[in-house]
Amino acid sequence: MMIDKAMLYDRFPLKRRIQSFIKSGKLTDKQFAVLESKLQSSIETRQRRHDNRPKPGFEADLPVIERRDEIAKAIQDNQVIILSGETGSGKTTQLP
């Protein structure tokens, strides 16, 4: 169903309007065009947001990157880890 490709924010109101038209049996061409336009706009917004997601990058000159594999394994193997390092080592900017 196309409504599943719409923004989550728009799904419930659009579904509710469609269901009300189905129950009443009255859906004019103009109403259908408005619903179709809103649905298409929501789908396009979702796709645009998906396409423009930030792409993380790693700065190779930060010390925390040198131990990236070790940190990744610790995160994978443990529910909680405590990571300490020098100021400016990249803990805050590179780990998230």
PDB file of N, CA and C in Angstrom:
ATOM      1  N   MET A   1       0.849  -1.187   0.000  1.00  0.00           N
ATOM      2  CA  MET A   1       0.000   0.000   0.000  1.00  0.00           C
ATOM      3  C   MET A   1       0.893   1.248   0.000  1.00  0.00           C
ATOM      4  N   MET A   2       0.533   2.216  -0.787  1.00  0.00           N
ATOM      5  CA  MET A   2       1.358   3.424  -0.918  1.00  0.00           C
ATOM      6  C   MET A   2       1.441   4.239   0.365  1.00  0.00           C
ATOM      7  N   ILE A   3       0.428   4.154   1.201  1.00  0.00           N
ATOM      8  CA  ILE A   3       0.424   4.960   2.419  1.00  0.00           C
ATOM      9  C   ILE A   3       1.568   4.551   3.348  1.00  0.00           C
ATOM     10  N   ASP A   4       2.052   3.310   3.213  1.00  0.00           N
ATOM     11  CA  ASP A   4       3.175   2.849   4.030  1.00  0.00           C
ATOM     12  C   ASP A   4       4.487   3.524   3.627  1.00  0.00           C
ATOM     13  N   LYS A   5       4.510   4.142   2.473  1.00  0.00           N
ATOM     14  CA  LYS A   5       5.708   4.855   2.017  1.00  0.00           C
ATOM     15  C   LYS A   5       5.668   6.323   2.397  1.00  0.00           C
ATOM     16  N   ALA A   6       4.566   6.765   3.015  1.00  0.00           N
ATOM     17  CA  ALA A   6       4.415   8.161   3.432  1.00  0.00           C
ATOM     18  C   ALA A   6       5.147   8.390   4.746  1.00  0.00           C
ATOM     19  N   MET A   7       5.321   9.658   5.076  1.00  0.00           N
ATOM     20  CA  MET A   7       5.912  10.021   6.358  1.00  0.00           C
ATOM     21  C   MET A   7       5.038   9.442   7.471  1.00  0.00           C
ATOM     22  N   LEU A   8       5.640   8.933   8.507  1.00  0.00           N
ATOM     23  CA  LEU A   8       4.899   8.357   9.615  1.00  0.00           C
ATOM     24  C   LEU A   8       3.911   9.379  10.189  1.00  0.00           C
ATOM     25  N   TYR A   9       4.339  10.632  10.238  1.00  0.00           N
ATOM     26  CA  TYR A   9       3.516  11.729  10.757  1.00  0.00           C
ATOM     27  C   TYR A   9       2.212  11.862   9.970  1.00  0.00           C
ATOM     28  N   ASP A  10       2.234  11.579   8.681  1.00  0.00           N
ATOM     29  CA  ASP A  10       1.071  11.760   7.812  1.00  0.00           C
ATOM     30  C   ASP A  10       0.185  10.527   7.700  1.00  0.00           C
ATOM     31  N   ARG A  11       0.676   9.367   8.078  1.00  0.00           N
ATOM     32  CA  ARG A  11      -0.055   8.123   7.828  1.00  0.00           C
ATOM     33  C   ARG A  11      -1.425   8.074   8.489  1.00  0.00           C
ATOM     34  N   PHE A  12      -1.491   8.368   9.785  1.00  0.00           N
ATOM     35  CA  PHE A  12      -2.764   8.246  10.497  1.00  0.00           C
ATOM     36  C   PHE A  12      -3.808   9.215   9.948  1.00  0.00           C
ATOM     37  N   PRO A  13      -3.493  10.519   9.789  1.00  0.00           N
ATOM     38  CA  PRO A  13      -4.522  11.416   9.246  1.00  0.00           C
ATOM     39  C   PRO A  13      -4.989  11.018   7.843  1.00  0.00           C
ATOM     40  N   LEU A  14      -4.063  10.583   6.999  1.00  0.00           N
ATOM     41  CA  LEU A  14      -4.452  10.174   5.651  1.00  0.00           C
ATOM     42  C   LEU A  14      -5.325   8.917   5.686  1.00  0.00           C
ATOM     43  N   LYS A  15      -4.939   7.936   6.504  1.00  0.00           N
ATOM     44  CA  LYS A  15      -5.743   6.713   6.623  1.00  0.00           C
ATOM     45  C   LYS A  15      -7.147   7.030   7.130  1.00  0.00           C
ATOM     46  N   ARG A  16      -7.216   7.919   8.112  1.00  0.00           N
ATOM     47  CA  ARG A  16      -8.514   8.284   8.695  1.00  0.00           C
ATOM     48  C   ARG A  16      -9.413   8.931   7.641  1.00  0.00           C
ATOM     49  N   ARG A  17      -8.847   9.822   6.826  1.00  0.00           N
ATOM     50  CA  ARG A  17      -9.638  10.481   5.779  1.00  0.00           C
ATOM     51  C   ARG A  17     -10.098   9.472   4.727  1.00  0.00           C
ATOM     52  N   ILE A  18      -9.208   8.569   4.344  1.00  0.00           N
ATOM     53  CA  ILE A  18      -9.569   7.558   3.348  1.00  0.00           C
ATOM     54  C   ILE A  18     -10.691   6.665   3.888  1.00  0.00           C
ATOM     55  N   GLN A  19     -10.558   6.245   5.152  1.00  0.00           N
ATOM     56  CA  GLN A  19     -11.576   5.384   5.742  1.00  0.00           C
ATOM     57  C   GLN A  19     -12.925   6.090   5.847  1.00  0.00           C
ATOM     58  N   SER A  20     -12.908   7.379   6.146  1.00  0.00           N
ATOM     59  CA  SER A  20     -14.179   8.112   6.240  1.00  0.00           C
ATOM     60  C   SER A  20     -14.855   8.202   4.875  1.00  0.00           C
ATOM     61  N   PHE A  21     -14.055   8.365   3.817  1.00  0.00           N
ATOM     62  CA  PHE A  21     -14.635   8.400   2.477  1.00  0.00           C
ATOM     63  C   PHE A  21     -15.189   7.026   2.082  1.00  0.00           C
ATOM     64  N   ILE A  22     -14.494   5.969   2.486  1.00  0.00           N
ATOM     65  CA  ILE A  22     -14.959   4.615   2.177  1.00  0.00           C
ATOM     66  C   ILE A  22     -16.286   4.342   2.884  1.00  0.00           C
ATOM     67  N   LYS A  23     -16.373   4.731   4.170  1.00  0.00           N
ATOM     68  CA  LYS A  23     -17.607   4.498   4.935  1.00  0.00           C
ATOM     69  C   LYS A  23     -18.779   5.276   4.361  1.00  0.00           C
ATOM     70  N   SER A  24     -18.517   6.528   3.990  1.00  0.00           N
ATOM     71  CA  SER A  24     -19.612   7.355   3.479  1.00  0.00           C
ATOM     72  C   SER A  24     -19.960   7.015   2.033  1.00  0.00           C
ATOM     73  N   GLY A  25     -19.022   6.419   1.323  1.00  0.00           N
ATOM     74  CA  GLY A  25     -19.264   6.083  -0.072  1.00  0.00           C
ATOM     75  C   GLY A  25     -19.235   7.299  -0.985  1.00  0.00           C
ATOM     76  N   LYS A  26     -18.782   8.435  -0.450  1.00  0.00           N
ATOM     77  CA  LYS A  26     -18.755   9.669  -1.220  1.00  0.00           C
ATOM     78  C   LYS A  26     -17.324  10.168  -1.348  1.00  0.00           C
ATOM     79  N   LEU A  27     -16.795  10.069  -2.530  1.00  0.00           N
ATOM     80  CA  LEU A  27     -15.452  10.575  -2.799  1.00  0.00           C
ATOM     81  C   LEU A  27     -15.473  11.221  -4.178  1.00  0.00           C
ATOM     82  N   THR A  28     -15.423  12.532  -4.175  1.00  0.00           N
ATOM     83  CA  THR A  28     -15.442  13.247  -5.447  1.00  0.00           C
ATOM     84  C   THR A  28     -14.057  13.206  -6.078  1.00  0.00           C
ATOM     85  N   ASP A  29     -14.003  13.521  -7.355  1.00  0.00           N
ATOM     86  CA  ASP A  29     -12.717  13.572  -8.051  1.00  0.00           C
ATOM     87  C   ASP A  29     -11.794  14.607  -7.422  1.00  0.00           C
ATOM     88  N   LYS A  30     -12.378  15.717  -6.986  1.00  0.00           N
ATOM     89  CA  LYS A  30     -11.579  16.775  -6.360  1.00  0.00           C
ATOM     90  C   LYS A  30     -10.989  16.291  -5.030  1.00  0.00           C
ATOM     91  N   GLN A  31     -11.795  15.618  -4.221  1.00  0.00           N
ATOM     92  CA  GLN A  31     -11.310  15.091  -2.947  1.00  0.00           C
ATOM     93  C   GLN A  31     -10.232  14.040  -3.171  1.00  0.00           C
ATOM     94  N   PHE A  32     -10.444  13.200  -4.171  1.00  0.00           N
ATOM     95  CA  PHE A  32      -9.445  12.180  -4.493  1.00  0.00           C
ATOM     96  C   PHE A  32      -8.137  12.829  -4.923  1.00  0.00           C
ATOM     97  N   ALA A  33      -8.212  13.864  -5.726  1.00  0.00           N
ATOM     98  CA  ALA A  33      -7.017  14.564  -6.195  1.00  0.00           C
ATOM     99  C   ALA A  33      -6.262  15.199  -5.035  1.00  0.00           C
ATOM    100  N   VAL A  34      -6.988  15.757  -4.073  1.00  0.00           N
ATOM    101  CA  VAL A  34      -6.350  16.365  -2.897  1.00  0.00           C
ATOM    102  C   VAL A  34      -5.645  15.294  -2.076  1.00  0.00           C
ATOM    103  N   LEU A  35      -6.326  14.172  -1.826  1.00  0.00           N
ATOM    104  CA  LEU A  35      -5.713  13.078  -1.077  1.00  0.00           C
ATOM    105  C   LEU A  35      -4.484  12.533  -1.796  1.00  0.00           C
ATOM    106  N   GLU A  36      -4.600  12.350  -3.091  1.00  0.00           N
ATOM    107  CA  GLU A  36      -3.483  11.841  -3.875  1.00  0.00           C
ATOM    108  C   GLU A  36      -2.296  12.795  -3.833  1.00  0.00           C
ATOM    109  N   SER A  37      -2.576  14.081  -3.899  1.00  0.00           N
ATOM    110  CA  SER A  37      -1.519  15.094  -3.843  1.00  0.00           C
ATOM    111  C   SER A  37      -0.809  15.093  -2.491  1.00  0.00           C
ATOM    112  N   LYS A  38      -1.594  15.013  -1.411  1.00  0.00           N
ATOM    113  CA  LYS A  38      -1.005  14.987  -0.067  1.00  0.00           C
ATOM    114  C   LYS A  38      -0.163  13.734   0.146  1.00  0.00           C
ATOM    115  N   LEU A  39      -0.657  12.614  -0.335  1.00  0.00           N
ATOM    116  CA  LEU A  39       0.084  11.363  -0.206  1.00  0.00           C
ATOM    117  C   LEU A  39       1.387  11.428  -1.005  1.00  0.00           C
ATOM    118  N   GLN A  40       1.312  11.901  -2.226  1.00  0.00           N
ATOM    119  CA  GLN A  40       2.510  12.002  -3.065  1.00  0.00           C
ATOM    120  C   GLN A  40       3.535  12.955  -2.452  1.00  0.00           C
ATOM    121  N   SER A  41       3.066  14.063  -1.904  1.00  0.00           N
ATOM    122  CA  SER A  41       3.957  15.032  -1.267  1.00  0.00           C
ATOM    123  C   SER A  41       4.661  14.412  -0.058  1.00  0.00           C
ATOM    124  N   SER A  42       3.912  13.651   0.722  1.00  0.00           N
ATOM    125  CA  SER A  42       4.485  12.998   1.897  1.00  0.00           C
ATOM    126  C   SER A  42       5.524  11.954   1.489  1.00  0.00           C
ATOM    127  N   ILE A  43       5.226  11.192   0.447  1.00  0.00           N
ATOM    128  CA  ILE A  43       6.164  10.178  -0.043  1.00  0.00           C
ATOM    129  C   ILE A  43       7.445  10.849  -0.540  1.00  0.00           C
ATOM    130  N   GLU A  44       7.313  11.944  -1.272  1.00  0.00           N
ATOM    131  CA  GLU A  44       8.485  12.657  -1.785  1.00  0.00           C
ATOM    132  C   GLU A  44       9.325  13.244  -0.658  1.00  0.00           C
ATOM    133  N   THR A  45       8.665  13.785   0.366  1.00  0.00           N
ATOM    134  CA  THR A  45       9.397  14.334   1.521  1.00  0.00           C
ATOM    135  C   THR A  45      10.182  13.238   2.220  1.00  0.00           C
ATOM    136  N   ARG A  46       9.543  12.080   2.415  1.00  0.00           N
ATOM    137  CA  ARG A  46      10.233  10.962   3.069  1.00  0.00           C
ATOM    138  C   ARG A  46      11.447  10.520   2.252  1.00  0.00           C
ATOM    139  N   GLN A  47      11.276  10.419   0.946  1.00  0.00           N
ATOM    140  CA  GLN A  47      12.379   9.991   0.085  1.00  0.00           C
ATOM    141  C   GLN A  47      13.510  11.011   0.090  1.00  0.00           C
ATOM    142  N   ARG A  48      13.157  12.298   0.042  1.00  0.00           N
ATOM    143  CA  ARG A  48      14.173  13.364   0.065  1.00  0.00           C
ATOM    144  C   ARG A  48      14.966  13.326   1.373  1.00  0.00           C
ATOM    145  N   ARG A  49      14.269  13.141   2.485  1.00  0.00           N
ATOM    146  CA  ARG A  49      14.961  13.045   3.779  1.00  0.00           C
ATOM    147  C   ARG A  49      15.872  11.832   3.821  1.00  0.00           C
ATOM    148  N   HIS A  50      15.401  10.722   3.276  1.00  0.00           N
ATOM    149  CA  HIS A  50      16.205   9.504   3.245  1.00  0.00           C
ATOM    150  C   HIS A  50      17.469   9.714   2.407  1.00  0.00           C
ATOM    151  N   ASP A  51      17.309  10.337   1.253  1.00  0.00           N
ATOM    152  CA  ASP A  51      18.443  10.558   0.353  1.00  0.00           C
ATOM    153  C   ASP A  51      19.464  11.540   0.905  1.00  0.00           C
ATOM    154  N   ASN A  52      19.018  12.444   1.787  1.00  0.00           N
ATOM    155  CA  ASN A  52      19.905  13.490   2.304  1.00  0.00           C
ATOM    156  C   ASN A  52      20.379  13.235   3.736  1.00  0.00           C
ATOM    157  N   ARG A  53      20.285  11.974   4.180  1.00  0.00           N
ATOM    158  CA  ARG A  53      20.794  11.651   5.519  1.00  0.00           C
ATOM    159  C   ARG A  53      22.288  11.947   5.579  1.00  0.00           C
ATOM    160  N   PRO A  54      22.770  12.410   6.737  1.00  0.00           N
ATOM    161  CA  PRO A  54      24.207  12.654   6.850  1.00  0.00           C
ATOM    162  C   PRO A  54      24.984  11.346   6.744  1.00  0.00           C
ATOM    163  N   LYS A  55      26.129  11.442   6.135  1.00  0.00           N
ATOM    164  CA  LYS A  55      27.003  10.279   5.992  1.00  0.00           C
ATOM    165  C   LYS A  55      28.215  10.472   6.906  1.00  0.00           C
ATOM    166  N   PRO A  56      28.336   9.622   7.916  1.00  0.00           N
ATOM    167  CA  PRO A  56      29.430   9.803   8.873  1.00  0.00           C
ATOM    168  C   PRO A  56      30.793   9.553   8.226  1.00  0.00           C
ATOM    169  N   GLY A  57      31.749  10.301   8.703  1.00  0.00           N
ATOM    170  CA  GLY A  57      33.120  10.115   8.241  1.00  0.00           C
ATOM    171  C   GLY A  57      34.051  10.053   9.444  1.00  0.00           C
ATOM    172  N   PHE A  58      35.197   9.469   9.260  1.00  0.00           N
ATOM    173  CA  PHE A  58      36.144   9.315  10.349  1.00  0.00           C
ATOM    174  C   PHE A  58      37.421  10.081  10.021  1.00  0.00           C
ATOM    175  N   GLU A  59      37.845  10.906  10.954  1.00  0.00           N
ATOM    176  CA  GLU A  59      39.078  11.658  10.780  1.00  0.00           C
ATOM    177  C   GLU A  59      40.253  10.778  11.206  1.00  0.00           C
ATOM    178  N   ALA A  60      41.083  10.418  10.278  1.00  0.00           N
ATOM    179  CA  ALA A  60      42.157   9.452  10.519  1.00  0.00           C
ATOM    180  C   ALA A  60      43.212   9.949  11.494  1.00  0.00           C
ATOM    181  N   ASP A  61      43.303  11.249  11.695  1.00  0.00           N
ATOM    182  CA  ASP A  61      44.358  11.767  12.563  1.00  0.00           C
ATOM    183  C   ASP A  61      43.982  11.779  14.045  1.00  0.00           C
ATOM    184  N   LEU A  62      42.788  11.330  14.402  1.00  0.00           N
ATOM    185  CA  LEU A  62      42.388  11.294  15.807  1.00  0.00           C
ATOM    186  C   LEU A  62      42.789   9.966  16.440  1.00  0.00           C
ATOM    187  N   PRO A  63      43.318   9.999  17.659  1.00  0.00           N
ATOM    188  CA  PRO A  63      43.790   8.778  18.330  1.00  0.00           C
ATOM    189  C   PRO A  63      42.732   7.684  18.491  1.00  0.00           C
ATOM    190  N   VAL A  64      41.480   8.068  18.680  1.00  0.00           N
ATOM    191  CA  VAL A  64      40.445   7.065  18.911  1.00  0.00           C
ATOM    192  C   VAL A  64      40.251   6.185  17.666  1.00  0.00           C
ATOM    193  N   ILE A  65      40.552   6.706  16.495  1.00  0.00           N
ATOM    194  CA  ILE A  65      40.400   5.939  15.255  1.00  0.00           C
ATOM    195  C   ILE A  65      41.419   4.806  15.183  1.00  0.00           C
ATOM    196  N   GLU A  66      42.587   5.013  15.760  1.00  0.00           N
ATOM    197  CA  GLU A  66      43.614   3.971  15.761  1.00  0.00           C
ATOM    198  C   GLU A  66      43.132   2.705  16.469  1.00  0.00           C
ATOM    199  N   ARG A  67      42.199   2.868  17.405  1.00  0.00           N
ATOM    200  CA  ARG A  67      41.707   1.725  18.186  1.00  0.00           C
ATOM    201  C   ARG A  67      40.254   1.395  17.848  1.00  0.00           C
ATOM    202  N   ARG A  68      39.849   1.788  16.668  1.00  0.00           N
ATOM    203  CA  ARG A  68      38.460   1.625  16.242  1.00  0.00           C
ATOM    204  C   ARG A  68      37.986   0.181  16.328  1.00  0.00           C
ATOM    205  N   ASP A  69      38.764  -0.759  15.848  1.00  0.00           N
ATOM    206  CA  ASP A  69      38.357  -2.168  15.868  1.00  0.00           C
ATOM    207  C   ASP A  69      38.215  -2.688  17.300  1.00  0.00           C
ATOM    208  N   GLU A  70      39.135  -2.296  18.139  1.00  0.00           N
ATOM    209  CA  GLU A  70      39.095  -2.723  19.545  1.00  0.00           C
ATOM    210  C   GLU A  70      37.854  -2.156  20.249  1.00  0.00           C
ATOM    211  N   ILE A  71      37.550  -0.896  19.986  1.00  0.00           N
ATOM    212  CA  ILE A  71      36.367  -0.257  20.590  1.00  0.00           C
ATOM    213  C   ILE A  71      35.087  -0.903  20.060  1.00  0.00           C
ATOM    214  N   ALA A  72      35.024  -1.162  18.756  1.00  0.00           N
ATOM    215  CA  ALA A  72      33.842  -1.795  18.160  1.00  0.00           C
ATOM    216  C   ALA A  72      33.602  -3.168  18.764  1.00  0.00           C
ATOM    217  N   LYS A  73      34.664  -3.941  18.978  1.00  0.00           N
ATOM    218  CA  LYS A  73      34.527  -5.267  19.583  1.00  0.00           C
ATOM    219  C   LYS A  73      34.035  -5.149  21.027  1.00  0.00           C
ATOM    220  N   ALA A  74      34.554  -4.167  21.769  1.00  0.00           N
ATOM    221  CA  ALA A  74      34.114  -3.966  23.155  1.00  0.00           C
ATOM    222  C   ALA A  74      32.629  -3.607  23.212  1.00  0.00           C
ATOM    223  N   ILE A  75      32.180  -2.775  22.284  1.00  0.00           N
ATOM    224  CA  ILE A  75      30.764  -2.392  22.242  1.00  0.00           C
ATOM    225  C   ILE A  75      29.901  -3.604  21.885  1.00  0.00           C
ATOM    226  N   GLN A  76      30.371  -4.410  20.960  1.00  0.00           N
ATOM    227  CA  GLN A  76      29.629  -5.590  20.533  1.00  0.00           C
ATOM    228  C   GLN A  76      29.541  -6.632  21.646  1.00  0.00           C
ATOM    229  N   ASP A  77      30.622  -6.797  22.409  1.00  0.00           N
ATOM    230  CA  ASP A  77      30.691  -7.846  23.415  1.00  0.00           C
ATOM    231  C   ASP A  77      30.124  -7.457  24.773  1.00  0.00           C
ATOM    232  N   ASN A  78      29.919  -6.175  25.020  1.00  0.00           N
ATOM    233  CA  ASN A  78      29.505  -5.720  26.347  1.00  0.00           C
ATOM    234  C   ASN A  78      28.299  -4.803  26.250  1.00  0.00           C
ATOM    235  N   GLN A  79      27.436  -4.893  27.256  1.00  0.00           N
ATOM    236  CA  GLN A  79      26.251  -4.053  27.295  1.00  0.00           C
ATOM    237  C   GLN A  79      26.634  -2.601  27.606  1.00  0.00           C
ATOM    238  N   VAL A  80      27.636  -2.407  28.437  1.00  0.00           N
ATOM    239  CA  VAL A  80      28.090  -1.072  28.835  1.00  0.00           C
ATOM    240  C   VAL A  80      29.607  -1.041  28.756  1.00  0.00           C
ATOM    241  N   ILE A  81      30.143   0.036  28.210  1.00  0.00           N
ATOM    242  CA  ILE A  81      31.591   0.229  28.244  1.00  0.00           C
ATOM    243  C   ILE A  81      31.877   1.641  28.735  1.00  0.00           C
ATOM    244  N   ILE A  82      33.041   1.808  29.320  1.00  0.00           N
ATOM    245  CA  ILE A  82      33.509   3.126  29.732  1.00  0.00           C
ATOM    246  C   ILE A  82      34.765   3.395  28.928  1.00  0.00           C
ATOM    247  N   LEU A  83      34.737   4.463  28.195  1.00  0.00           N
ATOM    248  CA  LEU A  83      35.867   4.817  27.352  1.00  0.00           C
ATOM    249  C   LEU A  83      36.459   6.116  27.865  1.00  0.00           C
ATOM    250  N   SER A  84      37.727   6.077  28.180  1.00  0.00           N
ATOM    251  CA  SER A  84      38.392   7.300  28.626  1.00  0.00           C
ATOM    252  C   SER A  84      39.567   7.567  27.708  1.00  0.00           C
ATOM    253  N   GLY A  85      39.889   8.831  27.575  1.00  0.00           N
ATOM    254  CA  GLY A  85      40.999   9.218  26.710  1.00  0.00           C
ATOM    255  C   GLY A  85      41.300  10.686  26.876  1.00  0.00           C
ATOM    256  N   GLU A  86      42.370  11.106  26.279  1.00  0.00           N
ATOM    257  CA  GLU A  86      42.781  12.500  26.360  1.00  0.00           C
ATOM    258  C   GLU A  86      41.754  13.423  25.712  1.00  0.00           C
ATOM    259  N   THR A  87      41.725  14.644  26.176  1.00  0.00           N
ATOM    260  CA  THR A  87      40.901  15.659  25.533  1.00  0.00           C
ATOM    261  C   THR A  87      41.388  15.830  24.099  1.00  0.00           C
ATOM    262  N   GLY A  88      40.448  15.856  23.173  1.00  0.00           N
ATOM    263  CA  GLY A  88      40.816  16.025  21.772  1.00  0.00           C
ATOM    264  C   GLY A  88      41.121  14.726  21.058  1.00  0.00           C
ATOM    265  N   SER A  89      40.876  13.581  21.716  1.00  0.00           N
ATOM    266  CA  SER A  89      41.196  12.301  21.086  1.00  0.00           C
ATOM    267  C   SER A  89      40.092  11.814  20.127  1.00  0.00           C
ATOM    268  N   GLY A  90      38.932  12.464  20.144  1.00  0.00           N
ATOM    269  CA  GLY A  90      37.846  12.090  19.237  1.00  0.00           C
ATOM    270  C   GLY A  90      36.744  11.271  19.878  1.00  0.00           C
ATOM    271  N   LYS A  91      36.731  11.148  21.188  1.00  0.00           N
ATOM    272  CA  LYS A  91      35.721  10.346  21.867  1.00  0.00           C
ATOM    273  C   LYS A  91      34.315  10.846  21.557  1.00  0.00           C
ATOM    274  N   THR A  92      34.112  12.124  21.656  1.00  0.00           N
ATOM    275  CA  THR A  92      32.777  12.693  21.495  1.00  0.00           C
ATOM    276  C   THR A  92      32.370  12.793  20.039  1.00  0.00           C
ATOM    277  N   THR A  93      33.281  13.143  19.179  1.00  0.00           N
ATOM    278  CA  THR A  93      32.912  13.382  17.790  1.00  0.00           C
ATOM    279  C   THR A  93      32.902  12.118  16.931  1.00  0.00           C
ATOM    280  N   GLN A  94      33.688  11.135  17.259  1.00  0.00           N
ATOM    281  CA  GLN A  94      33.824   9.972  16.386  1.00  0.00           C
ATOM    282  C   GLN A  94      33.035   8.752  16.833  1.00  0.00           C
ATOM    283  N   LEU A  95      32.784   8.606  18.121  1.00  0.00           N
ATOM    284  CA  LEU A  95      32.086   7.415  18.587  1.00  0.00           C
ATOM    285  C   LEU A  95      30.596   7.360  18.254  1.00  0.00           C
ATOM    286  N   PRO A  96      29.859   8.452  18.341  1.00  0.00           N
ATOM    287  CA  PRO A  96      28.423   8.341  18.036  1.00  0.00           C
ATOM    288  C   PRO A  96      28.196   7.875  16.613  1.00  0.00           C
TER     289      PRO A  96
END
